[in-house]
Amino acid sequence: MAFTDIETARVRKAVGAFVERRRPPPHLREEVDLVFRLSGQSVEIFEVRRAYGGSPGEKIEHPVAKATYVRSARGWRVF
């Protein structure tokens, strides 16, 4: 079961603030950046880098962390 609209807004706000504090300076974000996405009841944080030797604009994602909300336990499971 996915998050409700209110839960989604709360998670986006909390995780967005967390990630924003840890992002590299603006002049480096074209080379490397830290971002997140919501998928179902999971939040994924990952690093995005420009692919070296690849086509221009090609990006590579490296997973950093994943947390899934478990409703029955009323808590987060971090991977």
PDB file of N, CA and C in Angstrom:
ATOM      1  N   MET A   1       0.841  -1.167   0.000  1.00  0.00           N
ATOM      2  CA  MET A   1       0.000   0.000   0.000  1.00  0.00           C
ATOM      3  C   MET A   1       0.895   1.242   0.000  1.00  0.00           C
ATOM      4  N   ALA A   2       0.637   2.158  -0.895  1.00  0.00           N
ATOM      5  CA  ALA A   2       1.445   3.375  -1.013  1.00  0.00           C
ATOM      6  C   ALA A   2       1.090   4.364   0.092  1.00  0.00           C
ATOM      7  N   PHE A   3       1.935   5.376   0.229  1.00  0.00           N
ATOM      8  CA  PHE A   3       1.665   6.440   1.196  1.00  0.00           C
ATOM      9  C   PHE A   3       0.421   7.216   0.799  1.00  0.00           C
ATOM     10  N   THR A   4      -0.278   7.764   1.795  1.00  0.00           N
ATOM     11  CA  THR A   4      -1.377   8.682   1.504  1.00  0.00           C
ATOM     12  C   THR A   4      -0.755   9.999   1.045  1.00  0.00           C
ATOM     13  N   ASP A   5      -1.574  10.918   0.543  1.00  0.00           N
ATOM     14  CA  ASP A   5      -1.059  12.211   0.086  1.00  0.00           C
ATOM     15  C   ASP A   5      -0.391  12.979   1.216  1.00  0.00           C
ATOM     16  N   ILE A   6      -0.972  12.931   2.394  1.00  0.00           N
ATOM     17  CA  ILE A   6      -0.404  13.639   3.541  1.00  0.00           C
ATOM     18  C   ILE A   6       0.925  13.003   3.950  1.00  0.00           C
ATOM     19  N   GLU A   7       0.970  11.674   3.996  1.00  0.00           N
ATOM     20  CA  GLU A   7       2.216  10.984   4.338  1.00  0.00           C
ATOM     21  C   GLU A   7       3.298  11.275   3.301  1.00  0.00           C
ATOM     22  N   THR A   8       2.920  11.288   2.030  1.00  0.00           N
ATOM     23  CA  THR A   8       3.875  11.587   0.960  1.00  0.00           C
ATOM     24  C   THR A   8       4.471  12.976   1.143  1.00  0.00           C
ATOM     25  N   ALA A   9       3.632  13.954   1.448  1.00  0.00           N
ATOM     26  CA  ALA A   9       4.115  15.322   1.657  1.00  0.00           C
ATOM     27  C   ALA A   9       5.072  15.390   2.843  1.00  0.00           C
ATOM     28  N   ARG A  10       4.744  14.704   3.919  1.00  0.00           N
ATOM     29  CA  ARG A  10       5.608  14.700   5.108  1.00  0.00           C
ATOM     30  C   ARG A  10       6.961  14.046   4.814  1.00  0.00           C
ATOM     31  N   VAL A  11       6.921  12.922   4.128  1.00  0.00           N
ATOM     32  CA  VAL A  11       8.162  12.211   3.809  1.00  0.00           C
ATOM     33  C   VAL A  11       9.012  13.047   2.862  1.00  0.00           C
ATOM     34  N   ARG A  12       8.397  13.623   1.833  1.00  0.00           N
ATOM     35  CA  ARG A  12       9.146  14.476   0.895  1.00  0.00           C
ATOM     36  C   ARG A  12       9.808  15.642   1.609  1.00  0.00           C
ATOM     37  N   LYS A  13       9.091  16.253   2.533  1.00  0.00           N
ATOM     38  CA  LYS A  13       9.638  17.394   3.263  1.00  0.00           C
ATOM     39  C   LYS A  13      10.822  16.964   4.132  1.00  0.00           C
ATOM     40  N   ALA A  14      10.663  15.881   4.890  1.00  0.00           N
ATOM     41  CA  ALA A  14      11.716  15.417   5.796  1.00  0.00           C
ATOM     42  C   ALA A  14      12.939  14.916   5.031  1.00  0.00           C
ATOM     43  N   VAL A  15      12.731  14.063   4.056  1.00  0.00           N
ATOM     44  CA  VAL A  15      13.858  13.503   3.309  1.00  0.00           C
ATOM     45  C   VAL A  15      14.495  14.586   2.437  1.00  0.00           C
ATOM     46  N   GLY A  16      13.675  15.463   1.870  1.00  0.00           N
ATOM     47  CA  GLY A  16      14.204  16.559   1.060  1.00  0.00           C
ATOM     48  C   GLY A  16      15.142  17.449   1.862  1.00  0.00           C
ATOM     49  N   ALA A  17      14.763  17.771   3.094  1.00  0.00           N
ATOM     50  CA  ALA A  17      15.617  18.592   3.963  1.00  0.00           C
ATOM     51  C   ALA A  17      16.905  17.840   4.312  1.00  0.00           C
ATOM     52  N   PHE A  18      16.781  16.545   4.600  1.00  0.00           N
ATOM     53  CA  PHE A  18      17.946  15.722   4.922  1.00  0.00           C
ATOM     54  C   PHE A  18      18.940  15.708   3.766  1.00  0.00           C
ATOM     55  N   VAL A  19      18.445  15.447   2.561  1.00  0.00           N
ATOM     56  CA  VAL A  19      19.307  15.357   1.379  1.00  0.00           C
ATOM     57  C   VAL A  19      19.888  16.735   1.038  1.00  0.00           C
ATOM     58  N   GLU A  20      19.084  17.770   1.129  1.00  0.00           N
ATOM     59  CA  GLU A  20      19.547  19.126   0.782  1.00  0.00           C
ATOM     60  C   GLU A  20      20.759  19.543   1.624  1.00  0.00           C
ATOM     61  N   ARG A  21      20.768  19.184   2.887  1.00  0.00           N
ATOM     62  CA  ARG A  21      21.902  19.526   3.765  1.00  0.00           C
ATOM     63  C   ARG A  21      23.179  18.794   3.372  1.00  0.00           C
ATOM     64  N   ARG A  22      23.064  17.691   2.650  1.00  0.00           N
ATOM     65  CA  ARG A  22      24.221  16.865   2.319  1.00  0.00           C
ATOM     66  C   ARG A  22      24.647  16.955   0.856  1.00  0.00           C
ATOM     67  N   ARG A  23      23.922  17.718   0.049  1.00  0.00           N
ATOM     68  CA  ARG A  23      24.275  17.849  -1.364  1.00  0.00           C
ATOM     69  C   ARG A  23      25.582  18.619  -1.516  1.00  0.00           C
ATOM     70  N   PRO A  24      26.316  18.343  -2.591  1.00  0.00           N
ATOM     71  CA  PRO A  24      27.549  19.099  -2.826  1.00  0.00           C
ATOM     72  C   PRO A  24      27.225  20.546  -3.207  1.00  0.00           C
ATOM     73  N   PRO A  25      28.230  21.431  -3.206  1.00  0.00           N
ATOM     74  CA  PRO A  25      27.987  22.820  -3.602  1.00  0.00           C
ATOM     75  C   PRO A  25      27.426  22.894  -5.028  1.00  0.00           C
ATOM     76  N   PRO A  26      26.663  23.946  -5.326  1.00  0.00           N
ATOM     77  CA  PRO A  26      26.018  24.058  -6.651  1.00  0.00           C
ATOM     78  C   PRO A  26      26.967  23.918  -7.836  1.00  0.00           C
ATOM     79  N   HIS A  27      28.187  24.402  -7.729  1.00  0.00           N
ATOM     80  CA  HIS A  27      29.093  24.338  -8.882  1.00  0.00           C
ATOM     81  C   HIS A  27      29.584  22.901  -9.161  1.00  0.00           C
ATOM     82  N   LEU A  28      29.365  21.980  -8.240  1.00  0.00           N
ATOM     83  CA  LEU A  28      29.778  20.586  -8.450  1.00  0.00           C
ATOM     84  C   LEU A  28      28.622  19.662  -8.828  1.00  0.00           C
ATOM     85  N   ARG A  29      27.412  20.142  -8.748  1.00  0.00           N
ATOM     86  CA  ARG A  29      26.245  19.269  -8.938  1.00  0.00           C
ATOM     87  C   ARG A  29      26.097  18.720 -10.348  1.00  0.00           C
ATOM     88  N   GLU A  30      26.753  19.329 -11.329  1.00  0.00           N
ATOM     89  CA  GLU A  30      26.725  18.771 -12.680  1.00  0.00           C
ATOM     90  C   GLU A  30      27.563  17.492 -12.743  1.00  0.00           C
ATOM     91  N   GLU A  31      28.586  17.428 -11.898  1.00  0.00           N
ATOM     92  CA  GLU A  31      29.462  16.255 -11.846  1.00  0.00           C
ATOM     93  C   GLU A  31      28.910  15.161 -10.930  1.00  0.00           C
ATOM     94  N   VAL A  32      28.442  15.569  -9.740  1.00  0.00           N
ATOM     95  CA  VAL A  32      27.941  14.612  -8.747  1.00  0.00           C
ATOM     96  C   VAL A  32      26.852  15.294  -7.919  1.00  0.00           C
ATOM     97  N   ASP A  33      25.817  14.547  -7.617  1.00  0.00           N
ATOM     98  CA  ASP A  33      24.728  15.105  -6.828  1.00  0.00           C
ATOM     99  C   ASP A  33      24.108  13.995  -5.989  1.00  0.00           C
ATOM    100  N   LEU A  34      23.366  14.385  -4.986  1.00  0.00           N
ATOM    101  CA  LEU A  34      22.669  13.457  -4.108  1.00  0.00           C
ATOM    102  C   LEU A  34      21.182  13.749  -4.222  1.00  0.00           C
ATOM    103  N   VAL A  35      20.389  12.739  -4.550  1.00  0.00           N
ATOM    104  CA  VAL A  35      18.950  12.922  -4.759  1.00  0.00           C
ATOM    105  C   VAL A  35      18.178  11.768  -4.126  1.00  0.00           C
ATOM    106  N   PHE A  36      16.864  11.894  -4.117  1.00  0.00           N
ATOM    107  CA  PHE A  36      16.026  10.821  -3.571  1.00  0.00           C
ATOM    108  C   PHE A  36      14.778  10.660  -4.424  1.00  0.00           C
ATOM    109  N   ARG A  37      14.133   9.516  -4.254  1.00  0.00           N
ATOM    110  CA  ARG A  37      12.843   9.276  -4.915  1.00  0.00           C
ATOM    111  C   ARG A  37      11.989   8.393  -4.013  1.00  0.00           C
ATOM    112  N   LEU A  38      10.690   8.559  -4.151  1.00  0.00           N
ATOM    113  CA  LEU A  38       9.725   7.723  -3.436  1.00  0.00           C
ATOM    114  C   LEU A  38       9.195   6.684  -4.396  1.00  0.00           C
ATOM    115  N   SER A  39       9.067   5.471  -3.905  1.00  0.00           N
ATOM    116  CA  SER A  39       8.540   4.379  -4.708  1.00  0.00           C
ATOM    117  C   SER A  39       7.698   3.501  -3.796  1.00  0.00           C
ATOM    118  N   GLY A  40       6.380   3.581  -3.934  1.00  0.00           N
ATOM    119  CA  GLY A  40       5.498   2.831  -3.048  1.00  0.00           C
ATOM    120  C   GLY A  40       5.655   3.333  -1.630  1.00  0.00           C
ATOM    121  N   GLN A  41       6.080   2.461  -0.723  1.00  0.00           N
ATOM    122  CA  GLN A  41       6.320   2.837   0.671  1.00  0.00           C
ATOM    123  C   GLN A  41       7.811   2.924   0.967  1.00  0.00           C
ATOM    124  N   SER A  42       8.610   3.085  -0.065  1.00  0.00           N
ATOM    125  CA  SER A  42      10.060   3.149   0.104  1.00  0.00           C
ATOM    126  C   SER A  42      10.604   4.505  -0.313  1.00  0.00           C
ATOM    127  N   VAL A  43      11.691   4.866   0.350  1.00  0.00           N
ATOM    128  CA  VAL A  43      12.447   6.065   0.009  1.00  0.00           C
ATOM    129  C   VAL A  43      13.843   5.600  -0.355  1.00  0.00           C
ATOM    130  N   GLU A  44      14.318   6.018  -1.534  1.00  0.00           N
ATOM    131  CA  GLU A  44      15.656   5.658  -1.971  1.00  0.00           C
ATOM    132  C   GLU A  44      16.499   6.923  -2.078  1.00  0.00           C
ATOM    133  N   ILE A  45      17.688   6.894  -1.513  1.00  0.00           N
ATOM    134  CA  ILE A  45      18.643   7.982  -1.646  1.00  0.00           C
ATOM    135  C   ILE A  45      19.788   7.442  -2.497  1.00  0.00           C
ATOM    136  N   PHE A  46      20.189   8.218  -3.494  1.00  0.00           N
ATOM    137  CA  PHE A  46      21.254   7.762  -4.359  1.00  0.00           C
ATOM    138  C   PHE A  46      22.084   8.925  -4.879  1.00  0.00           C
ATOM    139  N   GLU A  47      23.294   8.584  -5.279  1.00  0.00           N
ATOM    140  CA  GLU A  47      24.230   9.547  -5.845  1.00  0.00           C
ATOM    141  C   GLU A  47      24.110   9.472  -7.359  1.00  0.00           C
ATOM    142  N   VAL A  48      24.110  10.616  -8.009  1.00  0.00           N
ATOM    143  CA  VAL A  48      24.051  10.680  -9.467  1.00  0.00           C
ATOM    144  C   VAL A  48      25.347  11.306  -9.948  1.00  0.00           C
ATOM    145  N   ARG A  49      26.024  10.608 -10.840  1.00  0.00           N
ATOM    146  CA  ARG A  49      27.283  11.095 -11.409  1.00  0.00           C
ATOM    147  C   ARG A  49      27.202  11.097 -12.926  1.00  0.00           C
ATOM    148  N   ARG A  50      27.977  11.990 -13.516  1.00  0.00           N
ATOM    149  CA  ARG A  50      28.095  11.995 -14.971  1.00  0.00           C
ATOM    150  C   ARG A  50      28.903  10.767 -15.364  1.00  0.00           C
ATOM    151  N   ALA A  51      28.459  10.067 -16.393  1.00  0.00           N
ATOM    152  CA  ALA A  51      29.156   8.863 -16.851  1.00  0.00           C
ATOM    153  C   ALA A  51      30.415   9.261 -17.610  1.00  0.00           C
ATOM    154  N   TYR A  52      31.544   8.754 -17.175  1.00  0.00           N
ATOM    155  CA  TYR A  52      32.799   9.043 -17.843  1.00  0.00           C
ATOM    156  C   TYR A  52      32.952   8.126 -19.045  1.00  0.00           C
ATOM    157  N   GLY A  53      33.285   8.704 -20.173  1.00  0.00           N
ATOM    158  CA  GLY A  53      33.459   7.915 -21.387  1.00  0.00           C
ATOM    159  C   GLY A  53      32.151   7.570 -22.068  1.00  0.00           C
ATOM    160  N   GLY A  54      31.025   7.949 -21.485  1.00  0.00           N
ATOM    161  CA  GLY A  54      29.720   7.671 -22.086  1.00  0.00           C
ATOM    162  C   GLY A  54      29.272   8.831 -22.961  1.00  0.00           C
ATOM    163  N   SER A  55      28.062   8.757 -23.421  1.00  0.00           N
ATOM    164  CA  SER A  55      27.525   9.836 -24.244  1.00  0.00           C
ATOM    165  C   SER A  55      27.272  11.072 -23.379  1.00  0.00           C
ATOM    166  N   PRO A  56      27.329  12.263 -23.970  1.00  0.00           N
ATOM    167  CA  PRO A  56      27.085  13.486 -23.199  1.00  0.00           C
ATOM    168  C   PRO A  56      25.700  13.467 -22.545  1.00  0.00           C
ATOM    169  N   GLY A  57      25.658  13.862 -21.304  1.00  0.00           N
ATOM    170  CA  GLY A  57      24.392  13.881 -20.574  1.00  0.00           C
ATOM    171  C   GLY A  57      24.026  12.558 -19.925  1.00  0.00           C
ATOM    172  N   GLU A  58      24.791  11.513 -20.180  1.00  0.00           N
ATOM    173  CA  GLU A  58      24.501  10.206 -19.576  1.00  0.00           C
ATOM    174  C   GLU A  58      24.860  10.240 -18.092  1.00  0.00           C
ATOM    175  N   LYS A  59      23.983   9.735 -17.253  1.00  0.00           N
ATOM    176  CA  LYS A  59      24.176   9.740 -15.802  1.00  0.00           C
ATOM    177  C   LYS A  59      24.185   8.314 -15.272  1.00  0.00           C
ATOM    178  N   ILE A  60      24.898   8.127 -14.170  1.00  0.00           N
ATOM    179  CA  ILE A  60      24.954   6.839 -13.489  1.00  0.00           C
ATOM    180  C   ILE A  60      24.456   7.043 -12.070  1.00  0.00           C
ATOM    181  N   GLU A  61      23.602   6.146 -11.598  1.00  0.00           N
ATOM    182  CA  GLU A  61      23.072   6.209 -10.233  1.00  0.00           C
ATOM    183  C   GLU A  61      23.755   5.160  -9.365  1.00  0.00           C
ATOM    184  N   HIS A  62      24.211   5.590  -8.187  1.00  0.00           N
ATOM    185  CA  HIS A  62      24.800   4.691  -7.202  1.00  0.00           C
ATOM    186  C   HIS A  62      23.915   4.725  -5.959  1.00  0.00           C
ATOM    187  N   PRO A  63      23.297   3.613  -5.576  1.00  0.00           N
ATOM    188  CA  PRO A  63      22.445   3.613  -4.387  1.00  0.00           C
ATOM    189  C   PRO A  63      23.248   3.898  -3.117  1.00  0.00           C
ATOM    190  N   VAL A  64      22.638   4.687  -2.231  1.00  0.00           N
ATOM    191  CA  VAL A  64      23.263   5.022  -0.955  1.00  0.00           C
ATOM    192  C   VAL A  64      22.476   4.376   0.181  1.00  0.00           C
ATOM    193  N   ALA A  65      21.143   4.559   0.169  1.00  0.00           N
ATOM    194  CA  ALA A  65      20.314   4.009   1.237  1.00  0.00           C
ATOM    195  C   ALA A  65      18.889   3.803   0.734  1.00  0.00           C
ATOM    196  N   LYS A  66      18.204   2.890   1.403  1.00  0.00           N
ATOM    197  CA  LYS A  66      16.792   2.645   1.105  1.00  0.00           C
ATOM    198  C   LYS A  66      16.095   2.367   2.427  1.00  0.00           C
ATOM    199  N   ALA A  67      14.951   3.008   2.603  1.00  0.00           N
ATOM    200  CA  ALA A  67      14.141   2.783   3.802  1.00  0.00           C
ATOM    201  C   ALA A  67      12.717   2.494   3.358  1.00  0.00           C
ATOM    202  N   THR A  68      12.116   1.493   3.953  1.00  0.00           N
ATOM    203  CA  THR A  68      10.744   1.116   3.633  1.00  0.00           C
ATOM    204  C   THR A  68       9.904   1.179   4.901  1.00  0.00           C
ATOM    205  N   TYR A  69       8.753   1.824   4.792  1.00  0.00           N
ATOM    206  CA  TYR A  69       7.851   1.927   5.934  1.00  0.00           C
ATOM    207  C   TYR A  69       7.035   0.650   6.033  1.00  0.00           C
ATOM    208  N   VAL A  70       7.041   0.033   7.219  1.00  0.00           N
ATOM    209  CA  VAL A  70       6.290  -1.197   7.468  1.00  0.00           C
ATOM    210  C   VAL A  70       5.106  -0.819   8.350  1.00  0.00           C
ATOM    211  N   ARG A  71       3.925  -0.790   7.748  1.00  0.00           N
ATOM    212  CA  ARG A  71       2.727  -0.340   8.477  1.00  0.00           C
ATOM    213  C   ARG A  71       2.408  -1.229   9.677  1.00  0.00           C
ATOM    214  N   SER A  72       2.542  -2.537   9.523  1.00  0.00           N
ATOM    215  CA  SER A  72       2.199  -3.438  10.628  1.00  0.00           C
ATOM    216  C   SER A  72       3.096  -3.209  11.846  1.00  0.00           C
ATOM    217  N   ALA A  73       4.336  -2.813  11.620  1.00  0.00           N
ATOM    218  CA  ALA A  73       5.267  -2.555  12.715  1.00  0.00           C
ATOM    219  C   ALA A  73       5.303  -1.067  13.089  1.00  0.00           C
ATOM    220  N   ARG A  74       4.636  -0.256  12.274  1.00  0.00           N
ATOM    221  CA  ARG A  74       4.619   1.205  12.473  1.00  0.00           C
ATOM    222  C   ARG A  74       6.040   1.763  12.594  1.00  0.00           C
ATOM    223  N   GLY A  75       6.902   1.318  11.689  1.00  0.00           N
ATOM    224  CA  GLY A  75       8.284   1.783  11.717  1.00  0.00           C
ATOM    225  C   GLY A  75       8.950   1.627  10.379  1.00  0.00           C
ATOM    226  N   TRP A  76      10.163   2.141  10.304  1.00  0.00           N
ATOM    227  CA  TRP A  76      10.950   2.095   9.077  1.00  0.00           C
ATOM    228  C   TRP A  76      11.961   0.963   9.139  1.00  0.00           C
ATOM    229  N   ARG A  77      12.171   0.337   8.006  1.00  0.00           N
ATOM    230  CA  ARG A  77      13.201  -0.688   7.873  1.00  0.00           C
ATOM    231  C   ARG A  77      14.244  -0.102   6.930  1.00  0.00           C
ATOM    232  N   VAL A  78      15.468   0.033   7.411  1.00  0.00           N
ATOM    233  CA  VAL A  78      16.537   0.659   6.636  1.00  0.00           C
ATOM    234  C   VAL A  78      17.441  -0.414   6.052  1.00  0.00           C
ATOM    235  N   PHE A  79      17.763  -0.253   4.775  1.00  0.00           N
ATOM    236  CA  PHE A  79      18.639  -1.204   4.066  1.00  0.00           C
ATOM    237  C   PHE A  79      19.923  -0.507   3.680  1.00  0.00           C
TER     238      PHE A  79
END
